[in-house]
């Protein structure tokens, strides 16, 4: 897990196409079939939360895991 500076997201991780996102409220979600490039761009984005909303949310299948 990589801790990030965001008003809504605590940490993100990527492993073999699965992007894991941990939110401040304790929710933990796995997004399927996410290219590694999206993960790397998210980490480099000026706003991790904005990047997530624009490029991940609604674009990939997900499941809540915690």
N, C-alpha and C. Protein backbone atom coordinates (compact mmCIF):
# COMPACT_ATOMS: atom_id res chain seq x y z
N UNK A 1 0.83 -1.19 0.00
CA UNK A 1 0.00 0.00 0.00
C UNK A 1 0.88 1.25 0.00
N UNK A 2 0.44 2.22 -0.76
CA UNK A 2 1.12 3.51 -0.81
C UNK A 2 0.19 4.54 -0.19
N UNK A 3 0.65 5.17 0.88
CA UNK A 3 -0.12 6.24 1.50
C UNK A 3 -0.12 7.45 0.58
N UNK A 4 -1.29 8.10 0.44
CA UNK A 4 -1.39 9.25 -0.44
C UNK A 4 -1.96 10.44 0.32
N UNK A 5 -1.68 11.62 -0.18
CA UNK A 5 -2.23 12.84 0.38
C UNK A 5 -3.50 13.18 -0.37
N UNK A 6 -4.63 12.97 0.28
CA UNK A 6 -5.92 13.20 -0.36
C UNK A 6 -6.96 13.49 0.71
N UNK A 7 -7.97 14.25 0.35
CA UNK A 7 -9.02 14.55 1.32
C UNK A 7 -10.00 13.40 1.50
N UNK A 8 -9.95 12.39 0.62
CA UNK A 8 -10.88 11.26 0.72
C UNK A 8 -10.21 9.89 0.71
N UNK A 9 -8.99 9.80 0.20
CA UNK A 9 -8.31 8.51 0.03
C UNK A 9 -7.09 8.43 0.93
N UNK A 10 -6.97 7.32 1.64
CA UNK A 10 -5.81 7.10 2.53
C UNK A 10 -4.65 6.44 1.80
N UNK A 11 -4.95 5.39 1.01
CA UNK A 11 -3.89 4.59 0.40
C UNK A 11 -4.40 3.89 -0.84
N UNK A 12 -3.46 3.56 -1.72
CA UNK A 12 -3.78 2.80 -2.93
C UNK A 12 -2.71 1.74 -3.15
N UNK A 13 -3.09 0.71 -3.87
CA UNK A 13 -2.15 -0.36 -4.22
C UNK A 13 -2.60 -0.94 -5.55
N UNK A 14 -1.68 -1.55 -6.26
CA UNK A 14 -1.99 -2.19 -7.54
C UNK A 14 -1.23 -3.51 -7.61
N UNK A 15 -1.91 -4.57 -8.02
CA UNK A 15 -1.26 -5.86 -8.17
C UNK A 15 -1.99 -6.65 -9.25
N UNK A 16 -1.29 -6.92 -10.34
CA UNK A 16 -1.81 -7.74 -11.44
C UNK A 16 -3.20 -7.31 -11.88
N UNK A 17 -3.37 -6.02 -12.10
CA UNK A 17 -4.63 -5.51 -12.64
C UNK A 17 -5.67 -5.13 -11.61
N UNK A 18 -5.39 -5.38 -10.34
CA UNK A 18 -6.36 -5.04 -9.29
C UNK A 18 -5.86 -3.81 -8.54
N UNK A 19 -6.65 -2.74 -8.63
CA UNK A 19 -6.34 -1.51 -7.91
C UNK A 19 -7.14 -1.52 -6.60
N UNK A 20 -6.43 -1.42 -5.49
CA UNK A 20 -7.08 -1.36 -4.18
C UNK A 20 -7.03 0.09 -3.69
N UNK A 21 -8.18 0.58 -3.25
CA UNK A 21 -8.29 1.95 -2.76
C UNK A 21 -8.89 1.91 -1.36
N UNK A 22 -8.19 2.55 -0.41
CA UNK A 22 -8.68 2.64 0.97
C UNK A 22 -9.06 4.09 1.23
N UNK A 23 -10.31 4.28 1.64
CA UNK A 23 -10.84 5.63 1.88
C UNK A 23 -10.74 5.99 3.36
N UNK A 24 -10.78 7.29 3.64
CA UNK A 24 -10.70 7.78 5.02
C UNK A 24 -11.80 7.20 5.90
N UNK A 25 -12.97 6.93 5.32
CA UNK A 25 -14.09 6.42 6.12
C UNK A 25 -13.95 4.93 6.45
N UNK A 26 -12.84 4.32 6.02
CA UNK A 26 -12.59 2.91 6.32
C UNK A 26 -12.98 1.97 5.21
N UNK A 27 -13.68 2.46 4.20
CA UNK A 27 -14.06 1.61 3.07
C UNK A 27 -12.83 1.19 2.27
N UNK A 28 -12.82 -0.06 1.86
CA UNK A 28 -11.72 -0.59 1.05
C UNK A 28 -12.34 -1.28 -0.17
N UNK A 29 -11.90 -0.86 -1.34
CA UNK A 29 -12.48 -1.36 -2.58
C UNK A 29 -11.39 -1.88 -3.51
N UNK A 30 -11.75 -2.90 -4.28
CA UNK A 30 -10.87 -3.43 -5.31
C UNK A 30 -11.52 -3.18 -6.67
N UNK A 31 -10.75 -2.57 -7.57
CA UNK A 31 -11.19 -2.28 -8.93
C UNK A 31 -10.47 -3.23 -9.87
N UNK A 32 -11.21 -3.91 -10.74
CA UNK A 32 -10.66 -4.96 -11.60
C UNK A 32 -10.19 -4.44 -12.94
N UNK A 33 -9.19 -5.12 -13.49
CA UNK A 33 -8.68 -4.87 -14.85
C UNK A 33 -8.19 -3.44 -15.05
N UNK A 34 -7.57 -2.88 -14.03
CA UNK A 34 -7.03 -1.52 -14.11
C UNK A 34 -5.59 -1.61 -14.64
N UNK A 35 -5.29 -0.94 -15.74
CA UNK A 35 -3.93 -0.95 -16.26
C UNK A 35 -2.94 -0.33 -15.25
N UNK A 36 -1.74 -0.84 -15.23
CA UNK A 36 -0.73 -0.32 -14.32
C UNK A 36 -0.48 1.17 -14.56
N UNK A 37 -0.60 1.60 -15.82
CA UNK A 37 -0.40 3.01 -16.15
C UNK A 37 -1.38 3.92 -15.42
N UNK A 38 -2.62 3.48 -15.26
CA UNK A 38 -3.61 4.26 -14.52
C UNK A 38 -3.16 4.42 -13.08
N UNK A 39 -2.68 3.34 -12.48
CA UNK A 39 -2.19 3.38 -11.10
C UNK A 39 -1.03 4.36 -10.97
N UNK A 40 -0.08 4.28 -11.89
CA UNK A 40 1.09 5.17 -11.83
C UNK A 40 0.69 6.63 -12.04
N UNK A 41 -0.24 6.87 -12.96
CA UNK A 41 -0.72 8.24 -13.19
C UNK A 41 -1.45 8.77 -11.96
N UNK A 42 -2.20 7.89 -11.30
CA UNK A 42 -2.92 8.29 -10.09
C UNK A 42 -1.95 8.74 -9.01
N UNK A 43 -0.87 7.98 -8.82
CA UNK A 43 0.13 8.34 -7.81
C UNK A 43 0.81 9.66 -8.14
N UNK A 44 0.98 9.95 -9.42
CA UNK A 44 1.67 11.17 -9.85
C UNK A 44 0.75 12.38 -9.98
N UNK A 45 -0.55 12.16 -9.91
CA UNK A 45 -1.51 13.24 -10.13
C UNK A 45 -1.44 14.30 -9.03
N UNK A 46 -1.65 15.57 -9.38
CA UNK A 46 -1.68 16.63 -8.37
C UNK A 46 -2.80 16.40 -7.34
N UNK A 47 -3.91 15.80 -7.79
CA UNK A 47 -5.02 15.48 -6.89
C UNK A 47 -5.40 14.02 -7.11
N UNK A 48 -5.05 13.17 -6.16
CA UNK A 48 -5.35 11.74 -6.27
C UNK A 48 -6.85 11.52 -6.34
N UNK A 49 -7.60 12.21 -5.50
CA UNK A 49 -9.05 12.06 -5.48
C UNK A 49 -9.70 12.47 -6.78
N UNK A 50 -9.25 13.58 -7.34
CA UNK A 50 -9.82 14.04 -8.61
C UNK A 50 -9.48 13.06 -9.73
N UNK A 51 -8.25 12.57 -9.75
CA UNK A 51 -7.87 11.59 -10.75
C UNK A 51 -8.73 10.34 -10.61
N UNK A 52 -8.93 9.88 -9.38
CA UNK A 52 -9.77 8.71 -9.13
C UNK A 52 -11.18 8.93 -9.67
N UNK A 53 -11.79 10.07 -9.35
CA UNK A 53 -13.15 10.35 -9.80
C UNK A 53 -13.25 10.41 -11.33
N UNK A 54 -12.24 10.97 -11.98
CA UNK A 54 -12.29 11.16 -13.43
C UNK A 54 -11.88 9.92 -14.22
N UNK A 55 -11.04 9.05 -13.65
CA UNK A 55 -10.46 7.97 -14.44
C UNK A 55 -10.70 6.56 -13.94
N UNK A 56 -11.16 6.41 -12.71
CA UNK A 56 -11.37 5.07 -12.15
C UNK A 56 -12.83 4.83 -11.81
N UNK A 57 -13.40 5.71 -11.00
CA UNK A 57 -14.79 5.56 -10.56
C UNK A 57 -15.72 5.49 -11.76
N UNK A 58 -16.48 4.43 -11.84
CA UNK A 58 -17.42 4.25 -12.95
C UNK A 58 -16.82 3.66 -14.20
N UNK A 59 -15.49 3.55 -14.25
CA UNK A 59 -14.83 3.04 -15.44
C UNK A 59 -14.43 1.56 -15.30
N UNK A 60 -14.37 1.07 -14.06
CA UNK A 60 -13.92 -0.30 -13.82
C UNK A 60 -14.87 -0.99 -12.84
N UNK A 61 -15.05 -2.29 -13.03
CA UNK A 61 -15.84 -3.08 -12.09
C UNK A 61 -15.15 -3.07 -10.74
N UNK A 62 -15.93 -3.08 -9.66
CA UNK A 62 -15.33 -3.03 -8.33
C UNK A 62 -16.13 -3.86 -7.35
N UNK A 63 -15.50 -4.12 -6.23
CA UNK A 63 -16.19 -4.76 -5.10
C UNK A 63 -15.65 -4.18 -3.81
N UNK A 64 -16.55 -4.06 -2.83
CA UNK A 64 -16.12 -3.59 -1.51
C UNK A 64 -15.58 -4.79 -0.75
N UNK A 65 -14.40 -4.62 -0.17
CA UNK A 65 -13.79 -5.74 0.54
C UNK A 65 -13.65 -5.48 2.04
N UNK A 66 -13.95 -4.29 2.48
CA UNK A 66 -13.91 -3.99 3.93
C UNK A 66 -14.76 -2.77 4.21
